[in-house]
N, C-alpha and C. Protein backbone atom coordinates (compact mmCIF):
# COMPACT_ATOMS: atom_id res chain seq x y z
N MET A 1 1.20 -1.32 0.01
CA MET A 1 -0.08 -0.17 0.36
C MET A 1 0.64 1.28 -0.24
N LYS A 2 0.94 2.14 -1.23
CA LYS A 2 1.82 2.87 -1.22
C LYS A 2 1.20 4.11 0.01
N ILE A 3 0.35 4.30 0.35
CA ILE A 3 -0.36 5.47 1.56
C ILE A 3 0.82 5.27 2.71
N LEU A 4 0.72 3.62 2.93
CA LEU A 4 1.96 3.65 4.09
C LEU A 4 3.83 3.63 3.62
N GLN A 5 4.05 4.10 2.87
CA GLN A 5 4.96 4.18 2.33
C GLN A 5 5.45 5.07 1.91
N PRO A 6 5.49 6.73 2.58
CA PRO A 6 5.57 7.64 1.89
C PRO A 6 7.23 7.85 1.87
N LYS A 7 7.83 8.45 0.79
CA LYS A 7 8.99 9.04 0.37
C LYS A 7 9.62 10.66 1.05
N VAL A 8 10.70 10.82 1.95
CA VAL A 8 11.05 11.81 1.94
C VAL A 8 12.52 12.17 1.11
N GLU A 9 12.33 12.73 0.06
CA GLU A 9 13.30 12.97 -0.98
C GLU A 9 13.77 14.57 -1.12
N ALA A 10 15.00 14.49 -1.16
CA ALA A 10 15.81 16.00 -1.27
C ALA A 10 17.10 15.76 -2.00
N SER A 11 16.84 16.30 -3.01
CA SER A 11 18.10 16.57 -3.92
C SER A 11 18.81 17.39 -3.66
N GLY A 12 18.83 17.87 -3.20
CA GLY A 12 19.92 19.40 -2.68
C GLY A 12 19.67 20.01 -1.41
N PHE A 13 20.77 20.71 -1.01
CA PHE A 13 20.48 21.81 0.03
C PHE A 13 19.37 22.72 -0.04
N PHE A 14 18.74 23.47 -1.30
CA PHE A 14 17.50 24.29 -1.60
C PHE A 14 16.16 22.92 -0.58
N ASP A 15 16.31 21.76 -1.23
CA ASP A 15 14.75 20.59 -1.01
C ASP A 15 14.72 20.62 0.74
N LEU A 16 16.22 20.36 1.00
CA LEU A 16 15.87 20.28 2.49
C LEU A 16 15.52 21.80 3.28
N ILE A 17 16.15 22.86 3.20
CA ILE A 17 15.46 24.03 3.61
C ILE A 17 14.45 23.99 3.13
N ALA A 18 13.66 23.63 2.21
CA ALA A 18 12.23 24.04 1.40
C ALA A 18 11.39 22.79 2.61
N ILE A 19 11.90 21.81 2.94
CA ILE A 19 10.91 20.85 3.56
C ILE A 19 10.91 21.32 5.13
N GLY A 20 11.80 21.77 5.65
CA GLY A 20 12.24 22.28 6.91
C GLY A 20 11.16 23.49 7.05
N VAL A 21 11.00 24.50 6.21
CA VAL A 21 10.43 25.39 6.24
C VAL A 21 8.90 25.18 6.02
N VAL A 22 8.65 23.69 5.43
CA VAL A 22 7.08 23.55 4.93
C VAL A 22 6.86 23.00 6.54
N LYS A 23 7.57 22.22 6.94
CA LYS A 23 7.61 21.58 8.24
C LYS A 23 6.87 22.48 9.61
N ASN A 24 8.03 23.61 9.44
CA ASN A 24 7.32 24.76 11.02
C ASN A 24 6.03 25.26 10.05
N PHE A 25 5.61 25.64 9.04
CA PHE A 25 4.60 25.73 9.37
C PHE A 25 3.41 24.61 8.96
N GLU A 26 3.44 23.88 8.56
CA GLU A 26 2.96 22.73 8.71
C GLU A 26 2.34 22.24 10.58
N GLU A 27 3.35 22.29 11.30
CA GLU A 27 3.20 22.17 12.27
C GLU A 27 2.46 23.25 13.32
N ARG A 28 2.51 24.48 12.88
CA ARG A 28 2.24 25.87 13.71
C ARG A 28 0.47 25.73 13.00
N LEU A 29 -0.25 25.17 11.57
CA LEU A 29 -1.37 25.03 11.30
C LEU A 29 -2.02 23.73 11.93
N THR A 30 -1.01 22.81 11.90
CA THR A 30 -2.32 21.20 12.64
C THR A 30 -2.22 21.17 13.71
N GLN A 31 -1.14 21.77 15.03
CA GLN A 31 -0.92 21.59 16.12
C GLN A 31 -2.66 22.15 16.89
N PRO A 32 -2.94 23.29 16.46
CA PRO A 32 -4.68 23.20 17.10
C PRO A 32 -5.56 22.10 17.22
N TYR A 33 -5.58 21.44 15.57
CA TYR A 33 -6.42 20.66 15.59
C TYR A 33 -6.44 19.19 15.64
N ILE A 34 -4.67 18.60 15.89
CA ILE A 34 -4.49 17.09 16.17
C ILE A 34 -3.50 17.17 16.67
N GLY A 35 -2.69 17.78 17.34
CA GLY A 35 -1.52 18.29 18.50
C GLY A 35 -0.56 17.86 17.52
N ASN A 36 0.51 17.83 18.78
CA ASN A 36 1.88 17.79 18.13
C ASN A 36 2.52 17.12 19.11
N GLY A 37 3.14 15.98 18.84
CA GLY A 37 3.99 15.30 19.68
C GLY A 37 3.40 13.74 20.19
N THR A 38 2.19 13.42 19.67
CA THR A 38 1.92 11.99 20.26
C THR A 38 1.39 11.04 19.11
N LEU A 39 0.99 10.29 19.60
CA LEU A 39 0.76 9.06 18.81
C LEU A 39 0.07 9.65 17.81
N MET A 40 -1.01 9.87 17.94
CA MET A 40 -2.45 9.99 17.09
C MET A 40 -1.84 11.01 15.74
N SER A 41 -1.46 11.97 16.21
CA SER A 41 -1.00 13.50 15.34
C SER A 41 0.48 12.68 14.22
N GLY A 42 0.87 12.07 14.75
CA GLY A 42 1.82 11.73 13.99
C GLY A 42 1.41 10.32 12.95
N ALA A 43 0.16 9.46 13.17
CA ALA A 43 -0.29 8.52 12.52
C ALA A 43 -1.16 9.58 11.59
N ILE A 44 -1.68 10.66 12.27
CA ILE A 44 -2.70 11.18 11.05
C ILE A 44 -1.51 12.18 10.11
N LYS A 45 -0.75 12.85 10.36
CA LYS A 45 0.17 13.16 9.53
C LYS A 45 0.89 12.61 8.54
N GLY A 46 1.25 10.74 9.06
CA GLY A 46 2.14 10.35 8.05
C GLY A 46 0.61 9.72 7.01
N VAL A 47 -0.33 9.52 7.23
CA VAL A 47 -1.54 9.27 6.30
C VAL A 47 -1.52 9.98 5.43
N ILE A 48 -1.22 11.52 5.66
CA ILE A 48 -1.78 12.43 4.93
C ILE A 48 -0.21 12.81 4.05
N GLY A 49 0.70 12.68 4.62
CA GLY A 49 1.75 12.79 3.66
C GLY A 49 1.81 11.38 3.11
N GLY A 50 1.27 10.29 3.15
CA GLY A 50 1.26 9.08 2.31
C GLY A 50 0.38 9.41 0.86
N ILE A 51 -0.87 10.10 1.69
CA ILE A 51 -1.56 10.54 0.36
C ILE A 51 -1.37 11.62 -0.56
N ILE A 52 -0.41 12.61 -0.07
CA ILE A 52 0.22 13.78 -0.92
C ILE A 52 1.06 13.06 -1.42
N ASP A 53 2.06 12.46 -1.22
CA ASP A 53 3.30 11.86 -2.14
C ASP A 53 3.08 11.63 -3.26
N GLY A 54 4.00 12.31 -4.35
CA GLY A 54 3.79 11.99 -5.40
C GLY A 54 2.59 12.43 -6.40
N LYS A 55 2.23 13.54 -5.47
CA LYS A 55 1.10 15.15 -6.32
C LYS A 55 1.45 15.93 -6.33
N GLY A 56 1.43 17.02 -7.07
CA GLY A 56 1.67 18.00 -6.56
C GLY A 56 3.06 18.98 -7.09
N GLY A 57 4.13 17.88 -7.80
CA GLY A 57 4.68 18.45 -8.11
C GLY A 57 6.11 18.63 -7.21
N LYS A 58 6.94 19.48 -7.15
CA LYS A 58 7.77 20.06 -6.55
C LYS A 58 7.37 20.46 -4.71
N LEU A 59 6.18 21.28 -4.72
CA LEU A 59 5.53 21.74 -3.82
C LEU A 59 5.09 20.59 -2.88
N GLY A 60 4.40 19.26 -3.70
CA GLY A 60 4.38 18.35 -2.94
C GLY A 60 4.88 17.63 -2.38
N LYS A 61 6.32 17.52 -3.38
CA LYS A 61 7.40 16.74 -2.66
C LYS A 61 7.63 17.29 -0.87
N TYR A 62 7.78 18.73 -1.13
CA TYR A 62 7.77 19.13 -0.34
C TYR A 62 6.97 19.38 1.50
N VAL A 63 5.78 19.05 0.80
CA VAL A 63 4.61 18.86 2.00
C VAL A 63 4.56 17.77 2.55
N SER A 64 4.38 16.87 1.28
CA SER A 64 4.65 14.95 1.64
C SER A 64 5.89 14.92 2.64
N GLY A 65 7.10 15.30 2.39
CA GLY A 65 8.61 15.27 2.75
C GLY A 65 8.19 15.56 4.76
N ALA A 66 7.75 16.99 4.68
CA ALA A 66 7.52 17.60 5.94
C ALA A 66 6.43 16.83 6.67
N LEU A 67 5.53 15.98 6.16
CA LEU A 67 4.33 15.85 6.86
C LEU A 67 4.58 14.74 7.05
N GLY A 68 5.99 13.67 6.45
CA GLY A 68 6.87 12.54 6.78
C GLY A 68 7.41 12.94 7.74
N VAL A 69 8.64 13.87 7.98
CA VAL A 69 9.48 13.80 8.85
C VAL A 69 8.69 14.38 10.24
N ASP A 70 7.72 15.46 10.13
CA ASP A 70 6.80 15.25 11.61
C ASP A 70 6.33 14.38 11.75
N ALA A 71 5.76 13.54 10.85
CA ALA A 71 5.09 11.85 11.49
C ALA A 71 5.70 11.26 12.29
N GLY A 72 6.85 11.39 11.72
CA GLY A 72 8.10 10.25 12.57
C GLY A 72 8.36 10.79 13.76
N GLU A 73 8.62 11.96 13.63
CA GLU A 73 8.99 12.60 14.80
C GLU A 73 8.02 12.90 16.33
N ASP A 74 6.76 12.60 15.75
CA ASP A 74 5.72 12.54 16.70
C ASP A 74 5.09 11.29 17.44
N LEU A 75 5.50 10.40 16.15
CA LEU A 75 5.57 9.23 16.15
C LEU A 75 6.38 8.81 17.78
N ALA A 76 7.93 9.11 17.23
CA ALA A 76 8.63 8.73 18.14
C ALA A 76 8.81 9.49 19.52
N ILE A 77 8.47 10.94 19.45
CA ILE A 77 8.03 11.44 21.26
C ILE A 77 6.96 10.63 21.81
N GLY A 78 5.79 10.44 20.88
CA GLY A 78 4.97 9.69 21.54
C GLY A 78 5.55 8.11 22.24
N LEU A 79 6.61 7.52 21.91
CA LEU A 79 6.75 6.07 22.27
C LEU A 79 7.33 6.36 23.19
N LEU A 80 8.18 7.48 23.28
CA LEU A 80 9.15 7.44 24.39
C LEU A 80 8.53 8.00 25.08
N GLY A 81 7.69 8.77 25.12
CA GLY A 81 6.66 9.50 26.46
C GLY A 81 6.06 8.02 26.98
N MET A 82 5.21 7.17 26.37
CA MET A 82 4.84 5.71 26.73
C MET A 82 6.33 4.89 27.23
N ALA A 83 7.47 4.74 26.61
CA ALA A 83 8.38 4.55 27.66
C ALA A 83 9.10 5.21 28.58
N GLY A 84 8.19 6.15 29.37
CA GLY A 84 8.97 6.94 30.71
C GLY A 84 9.94 7.50 29.93
N GLY A 85 10.31 8.06 28.84
CA GLY A 85 11.31 8.49 28.50
C GLY A 85 11.13 10.07 29.10
N ALA A 86 12.03 11.05 28.73
CA ALA A 86 12.23 12.22 29.36
C ALA A 86 11.62 13.60 28.61
N VAL A 87 10.55 12.99 27.66
CA VAL A 87 9.37 13.90 27.19
C VAL A 87 8.64 14.39 27.63
N GLY A 88 7.86 13.78 28.76
CA GLY A 88 6.46 14.07 29.16
C GLY A 88 6.18 12.54 29.42
N GLY A 89 4.83 13.43 29.84
CA GLY A 89 3.97 11.74 30.07
C GLY A 89 4.01 10.78 29.00
N ALA A 90 2.68 10.13 28.85
CA ALA A 90 2.44 8.53 27.89
C ALA A 90 2.19 9.57 26.29
N GLY A 91 2.74 10.09 25.50
CA GLY A 91 2.54 10.94 24.46
C GLY A 91 2.44 12.29 24.84
N ALA A 92 2.91 13.02 25.57
CA ALA A 92 2.70 14.17 26.32
C ALA A 92 2.72 15.02 24.72
N ALA A 93 1.97 16.11 24.35
CA ALA A 93 1.96 16.81 23.40
C ALA A 93 2.56 17.95 23.61
N ARG A 94 3.95 18.41 23.01
CA ARG A 94 4.59 19.71 22.91
C ARG A 94 3.46 21.08 22.24
N ASN A 95 3.69 22.03 23.19
CA ASN A 95 2.89 23.14 22.75
C ASN A 95 4.02 24.23 22.81
N GLU A 96 5.03 24.07 21.87
CA GLU A 96 6.06 24.86 21.94
C GLU A 96 5.66 26.30 21.19
N TRP A 97 4.63 26.56 20.43
CA TRP A 97 4.22 27.34 19.57
C TRP A 97 3.26 28.43 20.40
N ALA A 98 3.07 27.56 21.18
CA ALA A 98 2.21 28.92 22.49
C ALA A 98 2.72 30.27 22.62
């Protein structure tokens, strides 16, 4: 299933910067609705990134890549929280944009 296998592709430094910029805006936009740093937010962002993957040319590539990176980060934070890591409670959301 392609939706569960999104790719993060960067063919140069500009692509990395573009993905980082999009990730910054995407986190601020989605945080009030689906949260940030939780297993649920990671799953939602991963599915949306998988849907967008391969669509929309360069912009779609940047959005898909940003969602994929952020999904991985959210899932890792959620899992670390469940394991009693130093990031807070079980999947505790970070509200760094408040």
